PDB file of N, CA and C in Angstrom:
ATOM      1  N   MET A   1       8.156-109.482 117.577  1.00  0.00           N
ATOM      2  CA  MET A   1       7.734-108.555 116.648  1.00  0.00           C
ATOM      3  C   MET A   1       6.263-108.468 116.901  1.00  0.00           C
ATOM      4  N   GLY A   2       6.075-107.115 117.580  1.00  0.00           N
ATOM      5  CA  GLY A   2       4.703-106.969 118.009  1.00  0.00           C
ATOM      6  C   GLY A   2       3.867-106.096 116.933  1.00  0.00           C
ATOM      7  N   ILE A   3       2.533-106.060 117.150  1.00  0.00           N
ATOM      8  CA  ILE A   3       2.154-105.366 116.331  1.00  0.00           C
ATOM      9  C   ILE A   3       1.607-103.828 117.024  1.00  0.00           C
ATOM     10  N   HIS A   4       2.202-102.747 116.733  1.00  0.00           N
ATOM     11  CA  HIS A   4       1.850-101.477 117.211  1.00  0.00           C
ATOM     12  C   HIS A   4       0.989-100.499 116.575  1.00  0.00           C
ATOM     13  N   LEU A   5      -0.434-100.263 117.349  1.00  0.00           N
ATOM     14  CA  LEU A   5      -1.139 -99.608 116.702  1.00  0.00           C
ATOM     15  C   LEU A   5      -1.356 -98.168 117.451  1.00  0.00           C
ATOM     16  N   SER A   6      -1.557 -97.112 116.713  1.00  0.00           N
ATOM     17  CA  SER A   6      -1.908 -95.704 117.406  1.00  0.00           C
ATOM     18  C   SER A   6      -3.176 -95.870 117.892  1.00  0.00           C
ATOM     19  N   ILE A   7      -3.621 -94.766 118.892  1.00  0.00           N
ATOM     20  CA  ILE A   7      -4.829 -94.688 119.317  1.00  0.00           C
ATOM     21  C   ILE A   7      -5.849 -94.477 118.252  1.00  0.00           C
ATOM     22  N   LYS A   8      -5.570 -93.608 116.897  1.00  0.00           N
ATOM     23  CA  LYS A   8      -6.360 -93.213 116.165  1.00  0.00           C
ATOM     24  C   LYS A   8      -6.692 -94.621 115.488  1.00  0.00           C
ATOM     25  N   GLN A   9      -5.551 -95.251 115.135  1.00  0.00           N
ATOM     26  CA  GLN A   9      -5.720 -96.954 114.185  1.00  0.00           C
ATOM     27  C   GLN A   9      -6.939 -97.861 114.991  1.00  0.00           C
ATOM     28  N   MET A  10      -6.756 -97.553 116.555  1.00  0.00           N
ATOM     29  CA  MET A  10      -7.415 -98.439 117.335  1.00  0.00           C
ATOM     30  C   MET A  10      -8.837 -98.288 117.341  1.00  0.00           C
ATOM     31  N   LYS A  11      -9.183 -96.678 117.550  1.00  0.00           N
ATOM     32  CA  LYS A  11     -10.516 -96.321 117.252  1.00  0.00           C
ATOM     33  C   LYS A  11     -11.094 -96.729 116.018  1.00  0.00           C
ATOM     34  N   TYR A  12     -10.412 -96.171 115.052  1.00  0.00           N
ATOM     35  CA  TYR A  12     -11.122 -96.921 113.566  1.00  0.00           C
ATOM     36  C   TYR A  12     -11.245 -98.316 113.593  1.00  0.00           C
ATOM     37  N   ILE A  13     -10.483 -99.272 114.112  1.00  0.00           N
ATOM     38  CA  ILE A  13     -10.834-100.900 114.062  1.00  0.00           C
ATOM     39  C   ILE A  13     -11.755-101.129 114.492  1.00  0.00           C
ATOM     40  N   ARG A  14     -12.185-100.263 115.755  1.00  0.00           N
ATOM     41  CA  ARG A  14     -13.225-100.558 116.788  1.00  0.00           C
ATOM     42  C   ARG A  14     -14.574-100.238 116.167  1.00  0.00           C
ATOM     43  N   SER A  15     -14.489 -98.955 115.578  1.00  0.00           N
ATOM     44  CA  SER A  15     -15.578 -98.418 114.694  1.00  0.00           C
ATOM     45  C   SER A  15     -15.811 -99.246 113.526  1.00  0.00           C
ATOM     46  N   MET A  16     -15.313-100.325 113.031  1.00  0.00           N
ATOM     47  CA  MET A  16     -15.789-100.740 111.924  1.00  0.00           C
ATOM     48  C   MET A  16     -16.869-101.574 111.795  1.00  0.00           C
ATOM     49  N   LYS A  17     -17.946-101.451 110.721  1.00  0.00           N
ATOM     50  CA  LYS A  17     -19.247-101.767 110.938  1.00  0.00           C
ATOM     51  C   LYS A  17     -19.357-103.153 109.853  1.00  0.00           C
ATOM     52  N   ILE A  18     -18.233-103.682 109.674  1.00  0.00           N
ATOM     53  CA  ILE A  18     -18.215-105.073 108.579  1.00  0.00           C
ATOM     54  C   ILE A  18     -17.693-106.153 109.294  1.00  0.00           C
ATOM     55  N   LYS A  19     -18.085-107.181 109.085  1.00  0.00           N
ATOM     56  CA  LYS A  19     -17.275-108.497 109.284  1.00  0.00           C
ATOM     57  C   LYS A  19     -17.198-109.488 108.466  1.00  0.00           C
ATOM     58  N   PRO A  20     -16.020-109.702 107.990  1.00  0.00           N
ATOM     59  CA  PRO A  20     -15.825-110.527 106.613  1.00  0.00           C
ATOM     60  C   PRO A  20     -16.383-112.130 107.181  1.00  0.00           C
ATOM     61  N   LEU A  21     -16.769-112.717 106.252  1.00  0.00           N
ATOM     62  CA  LEU A  21     -16.944-114.105 106.561  1.00  0.00           C
ATOM     63  C   LEU A  21     -15.993-114.986 105.711  1.00  0.00           C
ATOM     64  N   GLY A  22     -16.039-116.176 106.603  1.00  0.00           N
ATOM     65  CA  GLY A  22     -14.595-117.233 106.103  1.00  0.00           C
ATOM     66  C   GLY A  22     -13.520-116.935 105.995  1.00  0.00           C
ATOM     67  N   THR A  23     -12.543-116.833 105.055  1.00  0.00           N
ATOM     68  CA  THR A  23     -11.253-116.561 105.228  1.00  0.00           C
ATOM     69  C   THR A  23     -11.089-115.210 104.539  1.00  0.00           C
ATOM     70  N   ARG A  24     -12.215-114.181 104.723  1.00  0.00           N
ATOM     71  CA  ARG A  24     -12.085-113.072 103.691  1.00  0.00           C
ATOM     72  C   ARG A  24     -11.303-111.897 104.979  1.00  0.00           C
ATOM     73  N   VAL A  25     -10.861-111.347 104.270  1.00  0.00           N
ATOM     74  CA  VAL A  25      -9.922-110.004 105.230  1.00  0.00           C
ATOM     75  C   VAL A  25     -10.514-108.594 104.622  1.00  0.00           C
ATOM     76  N   VAL A  26     -10.571-107.545 105.431  1.00  0.00           N
ATOM     77  CA  VAL A  26     -10.688-106.089 105.129  1.00  0.00           C
ATOM     78  C   VAL A  26      -9.601-105.389 105.442  1.00  0.00           C
ATOM     79  N   ILE A  27      -9.170-104.726 104.186  1.00  0.00           N
ATOM     80  CA  ILE A  27      -7.824-104.108 104.263  1.00  0.00           C
ATOM     81  C   ILE A  27      -8.313-102.713 104.032  1.00  0.00           C
ATOM     82  N   LYS A  28      -7.434-101.745 104.504  1.00  0.00           N
ATOM     83  CA  LYS A  28      -7.403-100.174 104.294  1.00  0.00           C
ATOM     84  C   LYS A  28      -5.887-100.024 103.851  1.00  0.00           C
ATOM     85  N   PRO A  29      -6.286 -99.760 102.230  1.00  0.00           N
ATOM     86  CA  PRO A  29      -4.720 -99.654 101.491  1.00  0.00           C
ATOM     87  C   PRO A  29      -3.884 -98.382 102.043  1.00  0.00           C
ATOM     88  N   ASP A  30      -2.916 -98.452 101.914  1.00  0.00           N
ATOM     89  CA  ASP A  30      -1.951 -97.205 101.870  1.00  0.00           C
ATOM     90  C   ASP A  30      -1.949 -96.202 100.894  1.00  0.00           C
ATOM     91  N   SER A  31      -2.300 -95.113 101.358  1.00  0.00           N
ATOM     92  CA  SER A  31      -2.250 -93.959 100.575  1.00  0.00           C
ATOM     93  C   SER A  31      -1.278 -93.765  99.541  1.00  0.00           C
ATOM     94  N   ALA A  32      -1.513 -93.431  98.188  1.00  0.00           N
ATOM     95  CA  ALA A  32      -0.762 -93.267  97.330  1.00  0.00           C
ATOM     96  C   ALA A  32       0.157 -91.958  97.249  1.00  0.00           C
ATOM     97  N   GLU A  33       1.549 -92.134  96.845  1.00  0.00           N
ATOM     98  CA  GLU A  33       2.231 -91.183  96.771  1.00  0.00           C
ATOM     99  C   GLU A  33       1.584 -89.998  95.736  1.00  0.00           C
ATOM    100  N   THR A  34       2.136 -88.784  96.675  1.00  0.00           N
ATOM    101  CA  THR A  34       1.499 -87.588  96.068  1.00  0.00           C
ATOM    102  C   THR A  34       2.883 -86.654  95.310  1.00  0.00           C
ATOM    103  N   VAL A  35       3.643 -86.420  95.854  1.00  0.00           N
ATOM    104  CA  VAL A  35       4.832 -86.188  95.621  1.00  0.00           C
ATOM    105  C   VAL A  35       6.404 -87.131  95.308  1.00  0.00           C
ATOM    106  N   THR A  36       6.914 -86.906  94.658  1.00  0.00           N
ATOM    107  CA  THR A  36       7.954 -87.723  94.765  1.00  0.00           C
ATOM    108  C   THR A  36       9.135 -87.091  95.643  1.00  0.00           C
ATOM    109  N   ALA A  37      10.303 -88.200  95.708  1.00  0.00           N
ATOM    110  CA  ALA A  37      11.318 -87.426  96.356  1.00  0.00           C
ATOM    111  C   ALA A  37      11.985 -86.166  95.984  1.00  0.00           C
ATOM    112  N   SER A  38      11.973 -86.034  94.921  1.00  0.00           N
ATOM    113  CA  SER A  38      12.209 -84.418  94.243  1.00  0.00           C
ATOM    114  C   SER A  38      11.448 -83.447  94.354  1.00  0.00           C
ATOM    115  N   GLY A  39      10.412 -83.676  94.735  1.00  0.00           N
ATOM    116  CA  GLY A  39       9.588 -82.498  94.658  1.00  0.00           C
ATOM    117  C   GLY A  39       8.283 -82.546  93.391  1.00  0.00           C
ATOM    118  N   ILE A  40       8.375 -83.547  92.680  1.00  0.00           N
ATOM    119  CA  ILE A  40       7.458 -83.557  91.411  1.00  0.00           C
ATOM    120  C   ILE A  40       6.206 -84.122  92.023  1.00  0.00           C
ATOM    121  N   ILE A  41       5.042 -83.434  91.507  1.00  0.00           N
ATOM    122  CA  ILE A  41       3.840 -83.613  91.956  1.00  0.00           C
ATOM    123  C   ILE A  41       3.275 -84.779  90.853  1.00  0.00           C
ATOM    124  N   ILE A  42       2.729 -85.796  91.696  1.00  0.00           N
ATOM    125  CA  ILE A  42       1.976 -86.896  90.844  1.00  0.00           C
ATOM    126  C   ILE A  42       0.524 -86.606  90.305  1.00  0.00           C
ATOM    127  N   PRO A  43       0.174 -86.579  89.134  1.00  0.00           N
ATOM    128  CA  PRO A  43      -0.971 -86.223  88.970  1.00  0.00           C
ATOM    129  C   PRO A  43      -2.248 -87.583  89.194  1.00  0.00           C
ATOM    130  N   ASP A  44      -3.200 -87.526  89.650  1.00  0.00           N
ATOM    131  CA  ASP A  44      -3.726 -88.710  89.585  1.00  0.00           C
ATOM    132  C   ASP A  44      -3.925 -89.922  88.706  1.00  0.00           C
ATOM    133  N   SER A  45      -3.760 -89.573  87.652  1.00  0.00           N
ATOM    134  CA  SER A  45      -4.110 -90.197  86.286  1.00  0.00           C
ATOM    135  C   SER A  45      -2.346 -91.162  86.572  1.00  0.00           C
ATOM    136  N   ALA A  46      -1.642 -90.720  86.808  1.00  0.00           N
ATOM    137  CA  ALA A  46      -0.060 -91.466  86.947  1.00  0.00           C
ATOM    138  C   ALA A  46      -0.229 -92.183  88.166  1.00  0.00           C
ATOM    139  N   LYS A  47      -0.818 -92.221  88.970  1.00  0.00           N
ATOM    140  CA  LYS A  47      -0.595 -92.880  90.394  1.00  0.00           C
ATOM    141  C   LYS A  47      -0.754 -94.429  90.156  1.00  0.00           C
ATOM    142  N   GLU A  48      -0.042 -95.231  90.681  1.00  0.00           N
ATOM    143  CA  GLU A  48      -0.126 -96.606  90.894  1.00  0.00           C
ATOM    144  C   GLU A  48      -0.950 -97.108  91.838  1.00  0.00           C
ATOM    145  N   LYS A  49      -1.866 -98.219  91.748  1.00  0.00           N
ATOM    146  CA  LYS A  49      -2.345 -98.472  92.630  1.00  0.00           C
ATOM    147  C   LYS A  49      -1.394 -99.225  93.533  1.00  0.00           C
ATOM    148  N   GLN A  50      -2.129 -99.027  95.059  1.00  0.00           N
ATOM    149  CA  GLN A  50      -0.947 -99.621  95.838  1.00  0.00           C
ATOM    150  C   GLN A  50      -1.291-101.135  96.242  1.00  0.00           C
ATOM    151  N   GLN A  51      -0.180-101.528  96.639  1.00  0.00           N
ATOM    152  CA  GLN A  51      -0.172-102.850  97.254  1.00  0.00           C
ATOM    153  C   GLN A  51       0.176-103.383  98.234  1.00  0.00           C
ATOM    154  N   THR A  52       0.163-102.311  99.466  1.00  0.00           N
ATOM    155  CA  THR A  52       0.147-102.720 100.715  1.00  0.00           C
ATOM    156  C   THR A  52      -0.899-102.061 101.729  1.00  0.00           C
ATOM    157  N   GLY A  53      -1.243-102.559 102.733  1.00  0.00           N
ATOM    158  CA  GLY A  53      -2.510-102.028 103.556  1.00  0.00           C
ATOM    159  C   GLY A  53      -2.213-102.300 104.907  1.00  0.00           C
ATOM    160  N   LYS A  54      -3.180-102.111 105.606  1.00  0.00           N
ATOM    161  CA  LYS A  54      -3.574-102.358 107.116  1.00  0.00           C
ATOM    162  C   LYS A  54      -4.442-103.366 106.833  1.00  0.00           C
ATOM    163  N   VAL A  55      -4.724-104.422 107.713  1.00  0.00           N
ATOM    164  CA  VAL A  55      -5.763-105.589 107.923  1.00  0.00           C
ATOM    165  C   VAL A  55      -6.609-104.525 108.988  1.00  0.00           C
ATOM    166  N   VAL A  56      -7.938-104.253 108.773  1.00  0.00           N
ATOM    167  CA  VAL A  56      -8.762-103.828 109.775  1.00  0.00           C
ATOM    168  C   VAL A  56      -9.927-104.961 110.299  1.00  0.00           C
ATOM    169  N   ALA A  57      -9.988-105.910 109.555  1.00  0.00           N
ATOM    170  CA  ALA A  57     -11.351-106.755 109.891  1.00  0.00           C
ATOM    171  C   ALA A  57     -10.770-108.479 109.351  1.00  0.00           C
ATOM    172  N   VAL A  58     -11.014-109.323 110.104  1.00  0.00           N
ATOM    173  CA  VAL A  58     -10.877-110.425 109.285  1.00  0.00           C
ATOM    174  C   VAL A  58     -11.897-111.421 109.878  1.00  0.00           C
ATOM    175  N   GLY A  59     -12.172-112.457 108.788  1.00  0.00           N
ATOM    176  CA  GLY A  59     -13.218-113.500 109.041  1.00  0.00           C
ATOM    177  C   GLY A  59     -12.850-114.750 110.446  1.00  0.00           C
ATOM    178  N   ASP A  60     -13.539-115.357 110.497  1.00  0.00           N
ATOM    179  CA  ASP A  60     -13.471-116.515 111.688  1.00  0.00           C
ATOM    180  C   ASP A  60     -12.438-117.631 110.964  1.00  0.00           C
ATOM    181  N   GLY A  61     -12.298-117.586 109.509  1.00  0.00           N
ATOM    182  CA  GLY A  61     -11.611-118.725 109.035  1.00  0.00           C
ATOM    183  C   GLY A  61     -12.130-120.071 109.078  1.00  0.00           C
ATOM    184  N   THR A  62     -11.849-121.165 108.419  1.00  0.00           N
ATOM    185  CA  THR A  62     -12.560-122.541 108.336  1.00  0.00           C
ATOM    186  C   THR A  62     -11.663-123.529 109.081  1.00  0.00           C
ATOM    187  N   VAL A  63     -12.215-124.853 109.189  1.00  0.00           N
ATOM    188  CA  VAL A  63     -11.307-125.874 109.910  1.00  0.00           C
ATOM    189  C   VAL A  63     -10.106-126.185 109.118  1.00  0.00           C
ATOM    190  N   ASP A  64     -10.314-126.275 107.772  1.00  0.00           N
ATOM    191  CA  ASP A  64      -9.567-126.303 107.086  1.00  0.00           C
ATOM    192  C   ASP A  64      -8.786-125.324 106.497  1.00  0.00           C
ATOM    193  N   ASP A  65      -8.738-124.032 106.565  1.00  0.00           N
ATOM    194  CA  ASP A  65      -7.817-122.812 106.335  1.00  0.00           C
ATOM    195  C   ASP A  65      -8.056-122.119 107.300  1.00  0.00           C
ATOM    196  N   PRO A  66      -7.299-122.003 108.545  1.00  0.00           N
ATOM    197  CA  PRO A  66      -7.318-121.207 109.680  1.00  0.00           C
ATOM    198  C   PRO A  66      -6.544-119.770 109.304  1.00  0.00           C
ATOM    199  N   MET A  67      -7.363-118.781 109.819  1.00  0.00           N
ATOM    200  CA  MET A  67      -6.719-117.395 109.413  1.00  0.00           C
ATOM    201  C   MET A  67      -5.377-117.268 109.898  1.00  0.00           C
ATOM    202  N   HIS A  68      -4.632-116.843 109.107  1.00  0.00           N
ATOM    203  CA  HIS A  68      -2.903-116.634 109.320  1.00  0.00           C
ATOM    204  C   HIS A  68      -2.931-114.870 109.780  1.00  0.00           C
ATOM    205  N   CYS A  69      -3.214-114.004 109.217  1.00  0.00           N
ATOM    206  CA  CYS A  69      -3.427-112.659 109.392  1.00  0.00           C
ATOM    207  C   CYS A  69      -4.162-112.294 110.534  1.00  0.00           C
ATOM    208  N   LYS A  70      -3.880-110.905 111.367  1.00  0.00           N
ATOM    209  CA  LYS A  70      -4.764-110.505 112.343  1.00  0.00           C
ATOM    210  C   LYS A  70      -4.713-109.093 112.017  1.00  0.00           C
ATOM    211  N   VAL A  71      -6.115-108.520 112.631  1.00  0.00           N
ATOM    212  CA  VAL A  71      -6.289-107.017 112.572  1.00  0.00           C
ATOM    213  C   VAL A  71      -4.766-106.404 113.112  1.00  0.00           C
ATOM    214  N   GLY A  72      -4.417-105.378 112.184  1.00  0.00           N
ATOM    215  CA  GLY A  72      -3.153-104.565 112.341  1.00  0.00           C
ATOM    216  C   GLY A  72      -2.066-104.779 111.703  1.00  0.00           C
ATOM    217  N   ASN A  73      -1.956-106.274 111.317  1.00  0.00           N
ATOM    218  CA  ASN A  73      -0.947-106.430 110.190  1.00  0.00           C
ATOM    219  C   ASN A  73      -0.889-105.506 108.862  1.00  0.00           C
ATOM    220  N   THR A  74       0.294-105.194 108.449  1.00  0.00           N
ATOM    221  CA  THR A  74       0.649-104.578 107.261  1.00  0.00           C
ATOM    222  C   THR A  74       1.116-105.562 106.585  1.00  0.00           C
ATOM    223  N   VAL A  75       0.239-106.062 105.065  1.00  0.00           N
ATOM    224  CA  VAL A  75      -0.144-106.650 104.211  1.00  0.00           C
ATOM    225  C   VAL A  75       0.559-106.365 102.695  1.00  0.00           C
ATOM    226  N   LEU A  76       0.701-107.292 101.965  1.00  0.00           N
ATOM    227  CA  LEU A  76       1.460-107.016 100.589  1.00  0.00           C
ATOM    228  C   LEU A  76       0.127-107.629  99.759  1.00  0.00           C
ATOM    229  N   PHE A  77      -0.428-107.235  98.975  1.00  0.00           N
ATOM    230  CA  PHE A  77      -1.277-107.752  98.047  1.00  0.00           C
ATOM    231  C   PHE A  77      -1.333-107.688  96.509  1.00  0.00           C
ATOM    232  N   GLY A  78      -1.760-108.636  95.769  1.00  0.00           N
ATOM    233  CA  GLY A  78      -1.543-108.627  94.455  1.00  0.00           C
ATOM    234  C   GLY A  78      -2.480-107.248  93.964  1.00  0.00           C
ATOM    235  N   LYS A  79      -1.848-106.691  92.699  1.00  0.00           N
ATOM    236  CA  LYS A  79      -2.376-105.468  92.363  1.00  0.00           C
ATOM    237  C   LYS A  79      -3.551-105.213  91.829  1.00  0.00           C
ATOM    238  N   PHE A  80      -4.405-106.500  91.606  1.00  0.00           N
ATOM    239  CA  PHE A  80      -5.859-106.473  90.818  1.00  0.00           C
ATOM    240  C   PHE A  80      -6.457-107.313  91.897  1.00  0.00           C
ATOM    241  N   ALA A  81      -5.952-107.330  93.191  1.00  0.00           N
ATOM    242  CA  ALA A  81      -6.533-108.404  94.058  1.00  0.00           C
ATOM    243  C   ALA A  81      -7.757-107.683  94.831  1.00  0.00           C
ATOM    244  N   GLY A  82      -8.946-108.343  95.260  1.00  0.00           N
ATOM    245  CA  GLY A  82      -9.807-107.699  96.147  1.00  0.00           C
ATOM    246  C   GLY A  82     -10.991-106.991  95.292  1.00  0.00           C
ATOM    247  N   THR A  83     -11.807-106.279  96.252  1.00  0.00           N
ATOM    248  CA  THR A  83     -13.314-105.999  95.585  1.00  0.00           C
ATOM    249  C   THR A  83     -12.863-104.335  96.308  1.00  0.00           C
ATOM    250  N   GLU A  84     -13.159-103.381  95.740  1.00  0.00           N
ATOM    251  CA  GLU A  84     -13.192-102.230  96.767  1.00  0.00           C
ATOM    252  C   GLU A  84     -14.857-101.766  96.924  1.00  0.00           C
ATOM    253  N   ILE A  85     -14.482-101.483  98.358  1.00  0.00           N
ATOM    254  CA  ILE A  85     -15.742-100.981  98.764  1.00  0.00           C
ATOM    255  C   ILE A  85     -15.499 -99.648  99.694  1.00  0.00           C
ATOM    256  N   THR A  86     -16.648 -98.831  99.906  1.00  0.00           N
ATOM    257  CA  THR A  86     -16.770 -97.601 100.629  1.00  0.00           C
ATOM    258  C   THR A  86     -17.433 -97.695 101.771  1.00  0.00           C
ATOM    259  N   ILE A  87     -16.947 -97.421 103.112  1.00  0.00           N
ATOM    260  CA  ILE A  87     -17.811 -97.335 104.328  1.00  0.00           C
ATOM    261  C   ILE A  87     -17.160 -96.200 104.845  1.00  0.00           C
ATOM    262  N   ASP A  88     -18.473 -95.562 105.252  1.00  0.00           N
ATOM    263  CA  ASP A  88     -18.126 -94.063 105.883  1.00  0.00           C
ATOM    264  C   ASP A  88     -17.249 -93.143 105.219  1.00  0.00           C
ATOM    265  N   SER A  89     -16.999 -93.253 103.883  1.00  0.00           N
ATOM    266  CA  SER A  89     -16.362 -92.618 103.369  1.00  0.00           C
ATOM    267  C   SER A  89     -14.933 -92.962 103.112  1.00  0.00           C
ATOM    268  N   ASP A  90     -14.854 -94.097 103.730  1.00  0.00           N
ATOM    269  CA  ASP A  90     -13.204 -94.797 103.823  1.00  0.00           C
ATOM    270  C   ASP A  90     -12.886 -95.742 102.486  1.00  0.00           C
ATOM    271  N   GLU A  91     -12.087 -95.445 102.027  1.00  0.00           N
ATOM    272  CA  GLU A  91     -11.933 -96.607 100.673  1.00  0.00           C
ATOM    273  C   GLU A  91     -11.458 -97.873 101.096  1.00  0.00           C
ATOM    274  N   LEU A  92     -11.980 -99.019 101.498  1.00  0.00           N
ATOM    275  CA  LEU A  92     -11.635-100.108 101.740  1.00  0.00           C
ATOM    276  C   LEU A  92     -11.468-101.253 100.606  1.00  0.00           C
ATOM    277  N   LEU A  93     -10.498-102.702 100.650  1.00  0.00           N
ATOM    278  CA  LEU A  93     -10.617-103.559  99.846  1.00  0.00           C
ATOM    279  C   LEU A  93     -11.053-104.775 100.995  1.00  0.00           C
ATOM    280  N   ILE A  94     -11.960-105.612  99.972  1.00  0.00           N
ATOM    281  CA  ILE A  94     -12.382-107.285 100.820  1.00  0.00           C
ATOM    282  C   ILE A  94     -11.901-108.096  99.790  1.00  0.00           C
ATOM    283  N   MET A  95     -11.058-108.860 100.564  1.00  0.00           N
ATOM    284  CA  MET A  95     -10.247-109.735  99.503  1.00  0.00           C
ATOM    285  C   MET A  95     -10.361-110.959 100.328  1.00  0.00           C
ATOM    286  N   GLY A  96      -9.765-112.405  99.598  1.00  0.00           N
ATOM    287  CA  GLY A  96      -9.730-113.720 100.233  1.00  0.00           C
ATOM    288  C   GLY A  96      -8.546-113.822 101.035  1.00  0.00           C
ATOM    289  N   GLN A  97      -8.448-114.313 102.028  1.00  0.00           N
ATOM    290  CA  GLN A  97      -6.740-114.414 102.886  1.00  0.00           C
ATOM    291  C   GLN A  97      -5.947-114.722 101.793  1.00  0.00           C
ATOM    292  N   SER A  98      -6.119-115.740 100.445  1.00  0.00           N
ATOM    293  CA  SER A  98      -5.220-116.275  99.813  1.00  0.00           C
ATOM    294  C   SER A  98      -4.502-115.437  98.938  1.00  0.00           C
ATOM    295  N   ASP A  99      -5.387-113.846  98.769  1.00  0.00           N
ATOM    296  CA  ASP A  99      -5.173-113.004  98.114  1.00  0.00           C
ATOM    297  C   ASP A  99      -3.705-111.946  98.533  1.00  0.00           C
ATOM    298  N   ILE A 100      -3.526-112.696  99.945  1.00  0.00           N
ATOM    299  CA  ILE A 100      -2.791-111.714 100.373  1.00  0.00           C
ATOM    300  C   ILE A 100      -1.253-112.470 100.136  1.00  0.00           C
ATOM    301  N   LEU A 101      -0.061-111.783  99.433  1.00  0.00           N
ATOM    302  CA  LEU A 101       1.096-112.598  99.275  1.00  0.00           C
ATOM    303  C   LEU A 101       2.022-112.564 100.547  1.00  0.00           C
ATOM    304  N   ALA A 102       2.038-111.596 101.499  1.00  0.00           N
ATOM    305  CA  ALA A 102       2.895-111.326 102.745  1.00  0.00           C
ATOM    306  C   ALA A 102       2.599-110.619 103.644  1.00  0.00           C
ATOM    307  N   ILE A 103       2.843-110.896 104.877  1.00  0.00           N
ATOM    308  CA  ILE A 103       2.760-109.922 106.117  1.00  0.00           C
ATOM    309  C   ILE A 103       4.288-109.288 106.112  1.00  0.00           C
ATOM    310  N   LEU A 104       3.943-107.908 106.495  1.00  0.00           N
ATOM    311  CA  LEU A 104       5.303-107.282 106.057  1.00  0.00           C
ATOM    312  C   LEU A 104       5.665-107.046 107.513  1.00  0.00           C
TER     313      LEU A 104
END
């Protein structure tokens, strides 16, 4: 099972201006659903925070705790995990590798 990235995603990852330290990762959360399957529009106040996203940058890890996720992985993380940051109008999350629950 390989990692498949589009050209747009590869350009985005190369343009990242952030390098996490240690065992931290930077994640671009998946966008929230705006319309249900039946066509009902979901207002911003009712949208749930996404718990999946793409890894866009990883730290170097440590001797005791090597990095298990790689750039391009789709991951599942805790609902309240990480710190929200904005870089070049992109909403990102930075969190420790231990906050990632699974690689999808």
